[in-house]
Amino acid sequence: MKETTLQTRVRILLEDWRFFLALAVAIPILLIGLWLAFDVTVGIAFLILGLALLAFSAEKSVEHSIGIASALRMSPLMIGLIMVSLGTDFPEITNSIISSALGHGDINVGDSFGSVLAQMTLVLGLLPFFGGAFRVRRDEITVMGAGEALVLIAALSMVEKGYISWMNAVFLVASWPMLMLITRNIIKKPTVAPHTGQKLSYHLGIAILGFLGIAVGSFIVIKSVIALSTVLQVSEYFISFFVVAIGTSLPELVVDLTAVRKKQYEIAIGDAIGSCLVDAGFSIGIGPLIFGRITVSGRLAETTGLYALFFSIIVITILALREKLDRKVGVLFVVIYLCSYVMLYV
């Protein structure tokens, strides 16, 4: 016997209230535990719990982002490119603000450049293995990829001199809304997601909570990974570029995998490339915009940034030519990411 509309809404509400309860209980416990005690065993346990919180929150954020797309009569691609990418990039944005306030510019830039590389290669490369192959549109990939490359070039021209000034930060932060406006005007997609019957405010509230859960889960994962990796005694920029960037890219991986499994491919590709747009400009600039000029390891930032830029262009070109993301391409993207470890070591 089929459910009535009222029964369906009640069931959805109950599922979402369980989500509220899980966040209300899990987040304080995890944060207090991180604050009071931390060793290797606790670090591994919190790493697993943080990943679980990420996966759980991602499910809700994608589900209700689709509802927002329907209510606003926007395409899933633009929702992924604008809203979902900002939500999944919240860890990088937060990291930029905190690291800039503390005077650690290398953490800000290293995390942002590392996230661009991880999302353009590792995240996109893993999607077809765990979510299945899917097709992409050449015009969408080209427009979004060109915007990402331009912002990354601008950021590189700033960090190579060893600092980011307040005016540099203004330009980087302003580049994001300008590129979103340009992209929206070029890519006009009338298709919307099926209407769910729920109000916009309801979807927006659940989506925000989902992204909050993603941010907290990412914070827990990052803190766990950094604590576990201190025994290696490696440089701050290295940890930020690889370890922290992997942690802050987990929301994109989890959200995009969830979107692919729900066959919302445009949300996935919009978030994957949209997050790189946020990382390359807005994320790097927001910290120094608030707290003023920051210094960075210019030569190291330039080298790693050029690597991220060069292979971002390669990834965009391959996707635009093939118009498909499958396992063959996925293997190549993952190999490109792994080769970056050798590059930085040399």
Foldseek 3Di string as FASTA:
>chain_A
DDDDPVRVVVVVVVVLVVVVVCCVPVLVVLVVCLVPDDDLVVLVVLLVVLLVLLLVLLLLLLVLLLQLQQQVLHALLLSLLPVVLCLLLVLLLVQLQVCLVVQNLLLNLLLLLLLLLCLLFVLLLCQCVLQNKDFAALVLLVLLLVLLLVLLVLLLVQQLVFKQFLVSLVVLQVSLVVSSVVSCVVDPDSDGRDHDPDDSVVSVVSNNVSSVSNNSSLVSNLSSQVNNCVVVVDDSNVCSSHVSNVSSNSSLNSNLNSCSNVVVNSSNVSSSSSNSSCSSGVSSSPNCNVVGMHGHPNVLSNQSSVLSSVVSVVSSVVCSVVRMRHNVSSVVSNVSSVVVVVVSVD
